[in-house]
């Protein structure tokens, strides 16, 4: 199944006009540095002292928070993790998932040159505080009820 990939501006329009929710799959520290206003944080990978490690609870937490018919824009730092997450969500039966390419910081080429500005560089609204109930800790607790 092919994942539809949208620009940050297209993602913003989906959130505002079509009732999509923003699922930020970056690690907790990345999310805490700034994220799309209203975003939910469910990391695909966790930041550890020895590097990034898979979050074995990713799919179960997403399934506990969002029904399969939810409309989701999936974003990360540069568009790589979000694409993997979107593919996994579609494969597990989620029906309306799009990947916000370029992520929060922007997509870069092999030489580090910015290829497409991300959410932040596109001038879209960024929050440093999560809305109530949208941190990973709160979302994980919903799964564990």
Protein backbone atom coordinates (compact mmCIF):
# COMPACT_ATOMS: atom_id res chain seq x y z
CA UNK A 1 0.00 0.00 0.00
CA UNK A 2 1.45 3.35 -1.04
CA UNK A 3 1.55 6.12 1.54
CA UNK A 4 0.29 9.52 0.45
CA UNK A 5 2.97 12.11 1.31
CA UNK A 6 2.04 15.76 1.80
CA UNK A 7 3.94 19.00 2.38
CA UNK A 8 3.80 20.78 5.74
CA UNK A 9 1.33 23.31 4.29
CA UNK A 10 -0.88 20.52 2.94
CA UNK A 11 -0.72 18.78 6.31
CA UNK A 12 -1.78 21.98 8.07
CA UNK A 13 -4.76 22.28 5.72
CA UNK A 14 -5.78 18.68 6.47
CA UNK A 15 -5.69 19.43 10.20
CA UNK A 16 -7.69 22.64 9.88
CA UNK A 17 -10.15 21.74 7.13
CA UNK A 18 -10.63 17.97 7.20
CA UNK A 19 -10.42 16.96 10.85
CA UNK A 20 -7.09 15.16 10.75
CA UNK A 21 -5.06 14.69 13.96
CA UNK A 22 -1.27 15.19 13.97
CA UNK A 23 0.62 12.14 15.24
CA UNK A 24 4.23 13.10 16.04
CA UNK A 25 6.37 9.94 16.10
CA UNK A 26 9.58 11.63 17.26
CA UNK A 27 11.20 10.77 20.58
CA UNK A 28 9.95 12.46 23.74
CA UNK A 29 12.91 14.91 23.96
CA UNK A 30 12.44 15.93 20.30
CA UNK A 31 8.71 16.46 20.84
CA UNK A 32 9.39 18.53 23.97
CA UNK A 33 11.66 20.89 21.99
CA UNK A 34 8.71 21.92 19.81
CA UNK A 35 5.90 20.32 17.84
CA UNK A 36 2.81 21.10 15.79
CA UNK A 37 0.13 22.65 17.96
CA UNK A 38 -2.29 19.95 19.12
CA UNK A 39 0.04 17.06 18.22
CA UNK A 40 -0.10 13.67 19.92
CA UNK A 41 3.31 12.16 20.74
CA UNK A 42 3.73 8.42 20.27
CA UNK A 43 7.41 7.74 19.48
CA UNK A 44 8.30 5.17 16.86
CA UNK A 45 11.78 5.08 18.43
CA UNK A 46 12.94 6.02 21.93
CA UNK A 47 16.08 8.09 22.55
CA UNK A 48 18.41 6.15 24.85
CA UNK A 49 22.00 6.77 25.99
CA UNK A 50 23.13 4.22 23.39
CA UNK A 51 21.07 5.69 20.54
CA UNK A 52 17.58 5.32 19.15
CA UNK A 53 15.73 2.10 20.01
CA UNK A 54 12.40 0.79 18.67
CA UNK A 55 9.32 1.46 20.76
CA UNK A 56 7.73 -1.98 21.09
CA UNK A 57 4.53 -0.35 22.34
CA UNK A 58 4.06 1.95 19.33
CA UNK A 59 1.25 0.08 17.57
CA UNK A 60 -0.64 -0.86 20.75
CA UNK A 61 -0.62 2.74 22.01
CA UNK A 62 -1.77 4.11 18.65
CA UNK A 63 -4.55 1.51 18.54
CA UNK A 64 -5.66 2.43 22.08
CA UNK A 65 -5.82 6.14 21.26
CA UNK A 66 -7.13 6.21 17.68
CA UNK A 67 -9.88 4.13 16.05
CA UNK A 68 -8.88 2.58 12.70
CA UNK A 69 -11.05 5.10 10.81
CA UNK A 70 -9.19 8.09 12.32
CA UNK A 71 -7.69 10.65 9.98
CA UNK A 72 -3.99 10.91 10.82
CA UNK A 73 -1.14 13.09 9.59
CA UNK A 74 2.08 11.41 10.72
CA UNK A 75 5.18 13.57 11.21
CA UNK A 76 8.71 13.27 12.58
CA UNK A 77 11.98 15.23 12.29
CA UNK A 78 12.73 14.88 8.58
CA UNK A 79 10.18 12.48 7.10
CA UNK A 80 11.91 9.10 7.46
CA UNK A 81 10.40 7.77 10.68
CA UNK A 82 6.97 9.13 9.81
CA UNK A 83 6.99 7.30 6.48
CA UNK A 84 7.84 4.02 8.25
CA UNK A 85 5.14 4.67 10.86
CA UNK A 86 2.54 5.54 8.21
CA UNK A 87 3.33 2.34 6.29
CA UNK A 88 2.93 0.28 9.48
CA UNK A 89 -0.37 1.98 10.35
CA UNK A 90 -1.83 1.40 6.89
CA UNK A 91 -0.67 -2.24 6.96
CA UNK A 92 -2.43 -2.72 10.30
CA UNK A 93 -5.76 -1.46 8.97
CA UNK A 94 -5.79 2.28 9.59
CA UNK A 95 -7.72 3.79 6.71
CA UNK A 96 -6.82 7.49 6.47
CA UNK A 97 -3.09 7.99 7.08
CA UNK A 98 -0.84 10.49 5.34
CA UNK A 99 2.85 11.17 5.88
CA UNK A 100 3.95 14.77 6.33
CA UNK A 101 7.15 14.65 4.33
CA UNK A 102 10.00 16.93 5.47
CA UNK A 103 8.93 16.50 9.10
CA UNK A 104 9.47 19.21 11.67
CA UNK A 105 13.00 20.25 10.68
CA UNK A 106 13.02 19.60 6.94
CA UNK A 107 14.24 17.02 4.45
CA UNK A 108 17.95 17.10 3.61
CA UNK A 109 20.01 15.47 0.89
CA UNK A 110 23.09 13.28 1.44
CA UNK A 111 25.23 16.43 1.78
CA UNK A 112 23.03 18.00 4.45
CA UNK A 113 21.49 20.59 2.15
CA UNK A 114 17.86 21.43 2.88
CA UNK A 115 15.65 20.00 0.15
CA UNK A 116 12.25 20.92 1.59
CA UNK A 117 11.46 23.02 4.67
CA UNK A 118 9.71 21.21 7.48
CA UNK A 119 6.79 22.29 9.67
CA UNK A 120 8.83 24.79 11.68
CA UNK A 121 10.69 26.34 8.72
CA UNK A 122 7.42 26.61 6.78
CA UNK A 123 6.29 29.10 9.42
CA UNK A 124 3.54 26.89 10.85
CA UNK A 125 2.57 27.22 14.51
CA UNK A 126 4.80 25.38 16.97
CA UNK A 127 4.10 24.61 20.64
CA UNK A 128 6.53 23.64 23.39
CA UNK A 129 3.85 22.38 25.77
CA UNK A 130 1.65 19.46 24.83
CA UNK A 131 -2.09 19.83 25.11
CA UNK A 132 -3.50 17.88 28.09
CA UNK A 133 -3.54 14.14 27.49
CA UNK A 134 -1.32 14.25 24.40
CA UNK A 135 2.11 13.43 25.86
CA UNK A 136 3.42 9.92 25.39
CA UNK A 137 3.13 9.26 29.12
CA UNK A 138 -0.58 10.17 29.10
CA UNK A 139 -1.28 8.19 25.90
CA UNK A 140 0.56 5.13 27.22
CA UNK A 141 -1.58 5.32 30.38
CA UNK A 142 -4.73 5.22 28.20
CA UNK A 143 -3.56 1.94 26.71
CA UNK A 144 -2.85 0.51 30.14
CA UNK A 145 -6.34 1.20 31.57
